[in-house]
């Protein structure tokens, strides 16, 4: 089996990586903020607390999981 050379990255520019990360951070932050602020308006008054929890719990769990995976894949 032939393995690719892992020491030769396809993208060598740090500027591309920074711009790509900034683009993802901006779009993810905007869409998450929009969903978090608009979703409770779409449900009845009695369900707003439950909807707030159901939106914030997966978001927090995703951030926590991402942080732990970053620690595992650290060089």
PDB file of N, CA and C in Angstrom:
ATOM      1  N   UNK A   1       0.840  -1.169   0.000  1.00  0.00           N
ATOM      2  CA  UNK A   1       0.000   0.000   0.000  1.00  0.00           C
ATOM      3  C   UNK A   1       0.893   1.244   0.000  1.00  0.00           C
ATOM      4  N   UNK A   2       0.567   2.191  -0.842  1.00  0.00           N
ATOM      5  CA  UNK A   2       1.359   3.410  -0.955  1.00  0.00           C
ATOM      6  C   UNK A   2       0.678   4.510  -0.158  1.00  0.00           C
ATOM      7  N   UNK A   3       1.422   5.090   0.756  1.00  0.00           N
ATOM      8  CA  UNK A   3       0.898   6.173   1.572  1.00  0.00           C
ATOM      9  C   UNK A   3       1.387   7.512   1.036  1.00  0.00           C
ATOM     10  N   UNK A   4       0.536   8.535   1.070  1.00  0.00           N
ATOM     11  CA  UNK A   4       1.003   9.846   0.613  1.00  0.00           C
ATOM     12  C   UNK A   4       2.030  10.419   1.582  1.00  0.00           C
ATOM     13  N   UNK A   5       2.861  11.281   1.081  1.00  0.00           N
ATOM     14  CA  UNK A   5       3.875  11.926   1.898  1.00  0.00           C
ATOM     15  C   UNK A   5       3.184  12.972   2.778  1.00  0.00           C
ATOM     16  N   UNK A   6       3.124  12.740   4.071  1.00  0.00           N
ATOM     17  CA  UNK A   6       2.411  13.636   4.968  1.00  0.00           C
ATOM     18  C   UNK A   6       3.212  14.875   5.314  1.00  0.00           C
ATOM     19  N   UNK A   7       4.446  14.944   4.870  1.00  0.00           N
ATOM     20  CA  UNK A   7       5.274  16.100   5.185  1.00  0.00           C
ATOM     21  C   UNK A   7       5.148  17.207   4.149  1.00  0.00           C
ATOM     22  N   UNK A   8       4.463  16.954   3.042  1.00  0.00           N
ATOM     23  CA  UNK A   8       4.276  17.959   2.003  1.00  0.00           C
ATOM     24  C   UNK A   8       2.823  18.409   1.983  1.00  0.00           C
ATOM     25  N   UNK A   9       2.478  19.500   2.662  1.00  0.00           N
ATOM     26  CA  UNK A   9       1.084  19.948   2.678  1.00  0.00           C
ATOM     27  C   UNK A   9       0.685  20.545   1.333  1.00  0.00           C
ATOM     28  N   UNK A  10      -0.600  20.469   1.024  1.00  0.00           N
ATOM     29  CA  UNK A  10      -1.107  21.042  -0.217  1.00  0.00           C
ATOM     30  C   UNK A  10      -1.094  22.565  -0.154  1.00  0.00           C
ATOM     31  N   UNK A  11      -1.427  23.099   1.000  1.00  0.00           N
ATOM     32  CA  UNK A  11      -1.495  24.550   1.177  1.00  0.00           C
ATOM     33  C   UNK A  11      -0.392  24.956   2.147  1.00  0.00           C
ATOM     34  N   UNK A  12       0.506  25.770   1.667  1.00  0.00           N
ATOM     35  CA  UNK A  12       1.641  26.159   2.504  1.00  0.00           C
ATOM     36  C   UNK A  12       1.536  27.585   3.011  1.00  0.00           C
ATOM     37  N   UNK A  13       0.531  28.332   2.568  1.00  0.00           N
ATOM     38  CA  UNK A  13       0.410  29.733   2.945  1.00  0.00           C
ATOM     39  C   UNK A  13      -0.345  29.879   4.266  1.00  0.00           C
ATOM     40  N   UNK A  14       0.275  30.591   5.207  1.00  0.00           N
ATOM     41  CA  UNK A  14      -0.402  30.874   6.472  1.00  0.00           C
ATOM     42  C   UNK A  14      -1.531  31.873   6.279  1.00  0.00           C
ATOM     43  N   UNK A  15      -1.390  32.761   5.294  1.00  0.00           N
ATOM     44  CA  UNK A  15      -2.428  33.768   5.023  1.00  0.00           C
ATOM     45  C   UNK A  15      -3.728  33.075   4.617  1.00  0.00           C
ATOM     46  N   UNK A  16      -3.635  32.046   3.782  1.00  0.00           N
ATOM     47  CA  UNK A  16      -4.830  31.310   3.381  1.00  0.00           C
ATOM     48  C   UNK A  16      -5.496  30.668   4.588  1.00  0.00           C
ATOM     49  N   UNK A  17      -4.717  30.074   5.459  1.00  0.00           N
ATOM     50  CA  UNK A  17      -5.275  29.418   6.642  1.00  0.00           C
ATOM     51  C   UNK A  17      -5.964  30.428   7.570  1.00  0.00           C
ATOM     52  N   UNK A  18      -5.344  31.589   7.752  1.00  0.00           N
ATOM     53  CA  UNK A  18      -5.936  32.617   8.615  1.00  0.00           C
ATOM     54  C   UNK A  18      -7.226  33.149   7.999  1.00  0.00           C
ATOM     55  N   UNK A  19      -7.215  33.418   6.690  1.00  0.00           N
ATOM     56  CA  UNK A  19      -8.425  33.916   6.025  1.00  0.00           C
ATOM     57  C   UNK A  19      -9.539  32.870   6.035  1.00  0.00           C
ATOM     58  N   UNK A  20      -9.182  31.626   5.826  1.00  0.00           N
ATOM     59  CA  UNK A  20     -10.172  30.550   5.855  1.00  0.00           C
ATOM     60  C   UNK A  20     -10.792  30.422   7.250  1.00  0.00           C
ATOM     61  N   UNK A  21      -9.973  30.480   8.286  1.00  0.00           N
ATOM     62  CA  UNK A  21     -10.483  30.389   9.651  1.00  0.00           C
ATOM     63  C   UNK A  21     -11.360  31.587   9.981  1.00  0.00           C
ATOM     64  N   UNK A  22     -10.967  32.785   9.538  1.00  0.00           N
ATOM     65  CA  UNK A  22     -11.771  33.982   9.774  1.00  0.00           C
ATOM     66  C   UNK A  22     -13.116  33.883   9.059  1.00  0.00           C
ATOM     67  N   UNK A  23     -13.119  33.366   7.851  1.00  0.00           N
ATOM     68  CA  UNK A  23     -14.372  33.201   7.113  1.00  0.00           C
ATOM     69  C   UNK A  23     -15.307  32.228   7.834  1.00  0.00           C
ATOM     70  N   UNK A  24     -14.789  31.098   8.261  1.00  0.00           N
ATOM     71  CA  UNK A  24     -15.609  30.130   8.993  1.00  0.00           C
ATOM     72  C   UNK A  24     -16.085  30.695  10.324  1.00  0.00           C
ATOM     73  N   UNK A  25     -15.236  31.412  11.024  1.00  0.00           N
ATOM     74  CA  UNK A  25     -15.627  31.991  12.316  1.00  0.00           C
ATOM     75  C   UNK A  25     -16.738  33.020  12.132  1.00  0.00           C
ATOM     76  N   UNK A  26     -16.620  33.861  11.123  1.00  0.00           N
ATOM     77  CA  UNK A  26     -17.635  34.890  10.890  1.00  0.00           C
ATOM     78  C   UNK A  26     -18.967  34.278  10.486  1.00  0.00           C
ATOM     79  N   UNK A  27     -18.953  33.361   9.514  1.00  0.00           N
ATOM     80  CA  UNK A  27     -20.217  32.782   9.046  1.00  0.00           C
ATOM     81  C   UNK A  27     -20.867  31.907  10.107  1.00  0.00           C
ATOM     82  N   UNK A  28     -20.076  31.136  10.835  1.00  0.00           N
ATOM     83  CA  UNK A  28     -20.636  30.294  11.891  1.00  0.00           C
ATOM     84  C   UNK A  28     -21.175  31.160  13.029  1.00  0.00           C
ATOM     85  N   UNK A  29     -20.452  32.197  13.397  1.00  0.00           N
ATOM     86  CA  UNK A  29     -20.917  33.088  14.452  1.00  0.00           C
ATOM     87  C   UNK A  29     -22.193  33.811  14.069  1.00  0.00           C
ATOM     88  N   UNK A  30     -22.267  34.264  12.821  1.00  0.00           N
ATOM     89  CA  UNK A  30     -23.462  34.968  12.375  1.00  0.00           C
ATOM     90  C   UNK A  30     -24.673  34.046  12.337  1.00  0.00           C
ATOM     91  N   UNK A  31     -24.510  32.860  11.755  1.00  0.00           N
ATOM     92  CA  UNK A  31     -25.650  31.946  11.648  1.00  0.00           C
ATOM     93  C   UNK A  31     -26.094  31.436  13.016  1.00  0.00           C
ATOM     94  N   UNK A  32     -25.164  31.175  13.899  1.00  0.00           N
ATOM     95  CA  UNK A  32     -25.524  30.720  15.240  1.00  0.00           C
ATOM     96  C   UNK A  32     -26.244  31.815  16.014  1.00  0.00           C
ATOM     97  N   UNK A  33     -25.742  33.034  15.930  1.00  0.00           N
ATOM     98  CA  UNK A  33     -26.392  34.146  16.625  1.00  0.00           C
ATOM     99  C   UNK A  33     -27.792  34.408  16.081  1.00  0.00           C
ATOM    100  N   UNK A  34     -27.936  34.346  14.767  1.00  0.00           N
ATOM    101  CA  UNK A  34     -29.250  34.562  14.160  1.00  0.00           C
ATOM    102  C   UNK A  34     -30.234  33.479  14.597  1.00  0.00           C
ATOM    103  N   UNK A  35     -29.788  32.231  14.592  1.00  0.00           N
ATOM    104  CA  UNK A  35     -30.680  31.135  15.008  1.00  0.00           C
ATOM    105  C   UNK A  35     -31.033  31.225  16.485  1.00  0.00           C
ATOM    106  N   UNK A  36     -30.065  31.566  17.322  1.00  0.00           N
ATOM    107  CA  UNK A  36     -30.322  31.653  18.763  1.00  0.00           C
ATOM    108  C   UNK A  36     -31.288  32.784  19.102  1.00  0.00           C
ATOM    109  N   UNK A  37     -31.263  33.856  18.344  1.00  0.00           N
ATOM    110  CA  UNK A  37     -32.146  34.970  18.667  1.00  0.00           C
ATOM    111  C   UNK A  37     -33.513  34.865  17.994  1.00  0.00           C
ATOM    112  N   UNK A  38     -33.603  34.191  16.861  1.00  0.00           N
ATOM    113  CA  UNK A  38     -34.875  34.113  16.146  1.00  0.00           C
ATOM    114  C   UNK A  38     -35.719  32.894  16.507  1.00  0.00           C
ATOM    115  N   UNK A  39     -35.098  31.802  16.887  1.00  0.00           N
ATOM    116  CA  UNK A  39     -35.856  30.572  17.153  1.00  0.00           C
ATOM    117  C   UNK A  39     -36.856  30.703  18.298  1.00  0.00           C
ATOM    118  N   UNK A  40     -36.515  31.341  19.414  1.00  0.00           N
ATOM    119  CA  UNK A  40     -37.528  31.447  20.477  1.00  0.00           C
ATOM    120  C   UNK A  40     -38.762  32.248  20.068  1.00  0.00           C
ATOM    121  N   UNK A  41     -38.643  33.108  19.078  1.00  0.00           N
ATOM    122  CA  UNK A  41     -39.805  33.872  18.617  1.00  0.00           C
ATOM    123  C   UNK A  41     -40.778  33.024  17.816  1.00  0.00           C
ATOM    124  N   UNK A  42     -40.338  31.868  17.358  1.00  0.00           N
ATOM    125  CA  UNK A  42     -41.165  31.015  16.508  1.00  0.00           C
ATOM    126  C   UNK A  42     -42.021  30.024  17.300  1.00  0.00           C
ATOM    127  N   UNK A  43     -41.834  29.955  18.604  1.00  0.00           N
ATOM    128  CA  UNK A  43     -42.601  29.009  19.418  1.00  0.00           C
ATOM    129  C   UNK A  43     -43.483  29.782  20.395  1.00  0.00           C
ATOM    130  N   UNK A  44     -44.361  29.054  21.041  1.00  0.00           N
ATOM    131  CA  UNK A  44     -45.270  29.701  21.989  1.00  0.00           C
ATOM    132  C   UNK A  44     -44.516  30.147  23.244  1.00  0.00           C
ATOM    133  N   UNK A  45     -45.154  30.990  24.019  1.00  0.00           N
ATOM    134  CA  UNK A  45     -44.541  31.564  25.224  1.00  0.00           C
ATOM    135  C   UNK A  45     -44.127  30.481  26.223  1.00  0.00           C
ATOM    136  N   UNK A  46     -44.912  29.424  26.345  1.00  0.00           N
ATOM    137  CA  UNK A  46     -44.629  28.363  27.318  1.00  0.00           C
ATOM    138  C   UNK A  46     -43.424  27.522  26.914  1.00  0.00           C
ATOM    139  N   UNK A  47     -43.121  27.449  25.637  1.00  0.00           N
ATOM    140  CA  UNK A  47     -42.049  26.574  25.156  1.00  0.00           C
ATOM    141  C   UNK A  47     -40.720  27.298  24.967  1.00  0.00           C
ATOM    142  N   UNK A  48     -40.655  28.587  25.212  1.00  0.00           N
ATOM    143  CA  UNK A  48     -39.431  29.344  24.935  1.00  0.00           C
ATOM    144  C   UNK A  48     -38.265  28.922  25.819  1.00  0.00           C
ATOM    145  N   UNK A  49     -38.511  28.628  27.066  1.00  0.00           N
ATOM    146  CA  UNK A  49     -37.425  28.192  27.952  1.00  0.00           C
ATOM    147  C   UNK A  49     -36.856  26.855  27.498  1.00  0.00           C
ATOM    148  N   UNK A  50     -37.739  25.942  27.121  1.00  0.00           N
ATOM    149  CA  UNK A  50     -37.300  24.636  26.647  1.00  0.00           C
ATOM    150  C   UNK A  50     -36.511  24.762  25.345  1.00  0.00           C
ATOM    151  N   UNK A  51     -36.983  25.615  24.446  1.00  0.00           N
ATOM    152  CA  UNK A  51     -36.283  25.814  23.180  1.00  0.00           C
ATOM    153  C   UNK A  51     -34.903  26.425  23.424  1.00  0.00           C
ATOM    154  N   UNK A  52     -34.799  27.351  24.363  1.00  0.00           N
ATOM    155  CA  UNK A  52     -33.510  27.942  24.694  1.00  0.00           C
ATOM    156  C   UNK A  52     -32.524  26.897  25.186  1.00  0.00           C
ATOM    157  N   UNK A  53     -33.006  26.006  26.049  1.00  0.00           N
ATOM    158  CA  UNK A  53     -32.131  24.933  26.525  1.00  0.00           C
ATOM    159  C   UNK A  53     -31.747  23.995  25.397  1.00  0.00           C
ATOM    160  N   UNK A  54     -32.720  23.618  24.568  1.00  0.00           N
ATOM    161  CA  UNK A  54     -32.456  22.672  23.493  1.00  0.00           C
ATOM    162  C   UNK A  54     -31.521  23.249  22.439  1.00  0.00           C
ATOM    163  N   UNK A  55     -31.422  24.559  22.347  1.00  0.00           N
ATOM    164  CA  UNK A  55     -30.470  25.169  21.418  1.00  0.00           C
ATOM    165  C   UNK A  55     -29.098  25.351  22.056  1.00  0.00           C
ATOM    166  N   UNK A  56     -29.055  25.729  23.318  1.00  0.00           N
ATOM    167  CA  UNK A  56     -27.765  26.025  23.937  1.00  0.00           C
ATOM    168  C   UNK A  56     -26.996  24.766  24.335  1.00  0.00           C
ATOM    169  N   UNK A  57     -27.693  23.706  24.693  1.00  0.00           N
ATOM    170  CA  UNK A  57     -26.995  22.490  25.117  1.00  0.00           C
ATOM    171  C   UNK A  57     -26.155  21.876  23.994  1.00  0.00           C
ATOM    172  N   UNK A  58     -26.700  21.640  22.780  1.00  0.00           N
ATOM    173  CA  UNK A  58     -25.844  21.079  21.719  1.00  0.00           C
ATOM    174  C   UNK A  58     -24.713  22.027  21.307  1.00  0.00           C
ATOM    175  N   UNK A  59     -24.965  23.334  21.364  1.00  0.00           N
ATOM    176  CA  UNK A  59     -23.912  24.289  21.026  1.00  0.00           C
ATOM    177  C   UNK A  59     -22.750  24.176  22.011  1.00  0.00           C
ATOM    178  N   UNK A  60     -23.063  24.145  23.295  1.00  0.00           N
ATOM    179  CA  UNK A  60     -22.028  24.010  24.322  1.00  0.00           C
ATOM    180  C   UNK A  60     -21.336  22.656  24.231  1.00  0.00           C
ATOM    181  N   UNK A  61     -22.094  21.613  23.991  1.00  0.00           N
ATOM    182  CA  UNK A  61     -21.506  20.278  23.846  1.00  0.00           C
ATOM    183  C   UNK A  61     -20.586  20.204  22.627  1.00  0.00           C
ATOM    184  N   UNK A  62     -20.955  20.856  21.538  1.00  0.00           N
ATOM    185  CA  UNK A  62     -20.106  20.882  20.354  1.00  0.00           C
ATOM    186  C   UNK A  62     -18.797  21.618  20.598  1.00  0.00           C
ATOM    187  N   UNK A  63     -18.868  22.737  21.311  1.00  0.00           N
ATOM    188  CA  UNK A  63     -17.656  23.484  21.634  1.00  0.00           C
ATOM    189  C   UNK A  63     -16.749  22.656  22.540  1.00  0.00           C
ATOM    190  N   UNK A  64     -17.326  22.008  23.532  1.00  0.00           N
ATOM    191  CA  UNK A  64     -16.549  21.168  24.440  1.00  0.00           C
ATOM    192  C   UNK A  64     -15.898  20.010  23.696  1.00  0.00           C
ATOM    193  N   UNK A  65     -16.649  19.357  22.831  1.00  0.00           N
ATOM    194  CA  UNK A  65     -16.117  18.240  22.055  1.00  0.00           C
ATOM    195  C   UNK A  65     -14.988  18.706  21.135  1.00  0.00           C
ATOM    196  N   UNK A  66     -15.170  19.856  20.497  1.00  0.00           N
ATOM    197  CA  UNK A  66     -14.128  20.393  19.636  1.00  0.00           C
ATOM    198  C   UNK A  66     -12.852  20.700  20.396  1.00  0.00           C
ATOM    199  N   UNK A  67     -12.993  21.230  21.601  1.00  0.00           N
ATOM    200  CA  UNK A  67     -11.804  21.517  22.409  1.00  0.00           C
ATOM    201  C   UNK A  67     -11.069  20.248  22.808  1.00  0.00           C
ATOM    202  N   UNK A  68     -11.801  19.229  23.192  1.00  0.00           N
ATOM    203  CA  UNK A  68     -11.146  17.976  23.572  1.00  0.00           C
ATOM    204  C   UNK A  68     -10.500  17.299  22.358  1.00  0.00           C
ATOM    205  N   UNK A  69     -11.150  17.371  21.197  1.00  0.00           N
ATOM    206  CA  UNK A  69     -10.538  16.790  19.996  1.00  0.00           C
ATOM    207  C   UNK A  69      -9.291  17.558  19.587  1.00  0.00           C
ATOM    208  N   UNK A  70      -9.293  18.862  19.787  1.00  0.00           N
ATOM    209  CA  UNK A  70      -8.093  19.651  19.488  1.00  0.00           C
ATOM    210  C   UNK A  70      -6.936  19.234  20.376  1.00  0.00           C
ATOM    211  N   UNK A  71      -7.224  18.921  21.616  1.00  0.00           N
ATOM    212  CA  UNK A  71      -6.160  18.452  22.510  1.00  0.00           C
ATOM    213  C   UNK A  71      -5.621  17.090  22.080  1.00  0.00           C
ATOM    214  N   UNK A  72      -6.506  16.237  21.578  1.00  0.00           N
ATOM    215  CA  UNK A  72      -6.068  14.910  21.137  1.00  0.00           C
ATOM    216  C   UNK A  72      -5.219  14.977  19.884  1.00  0.00           C
ATOM    217  N   UNK A  73      -5.546  15.888  18.971  1.00  0.00           N
ATOM    218  CA  UNK A  73      -4.835  15.964  17.699  1.00  0.00           C
ATOM    219  C   UNK A  73      -3.695  16.973  17.721  1.00  0.00           C
ATOM    220  N   UNK A  74      -3.331  17.452  18.890  1.00  0.00           N
ATOM    221  CA  UNK A  74      -2.239  18.402  19.016  1.00  0.00           C
ATOM    222  C   UNK A  74      -0.937  17.718  18.625  1.00  0.00           C
ATOM    223  N   UNK A  75      -0.037  18.465  18.023  1.00  0.00           N
ATOM    224  CA  UNK A  75       1.256  17.889  17.606  1.00  0.00           C
ATOM    225  C   UNK A  75       2.096  17.528  18.801  1.00  0.00           C
TER     226      UNK A  75
END
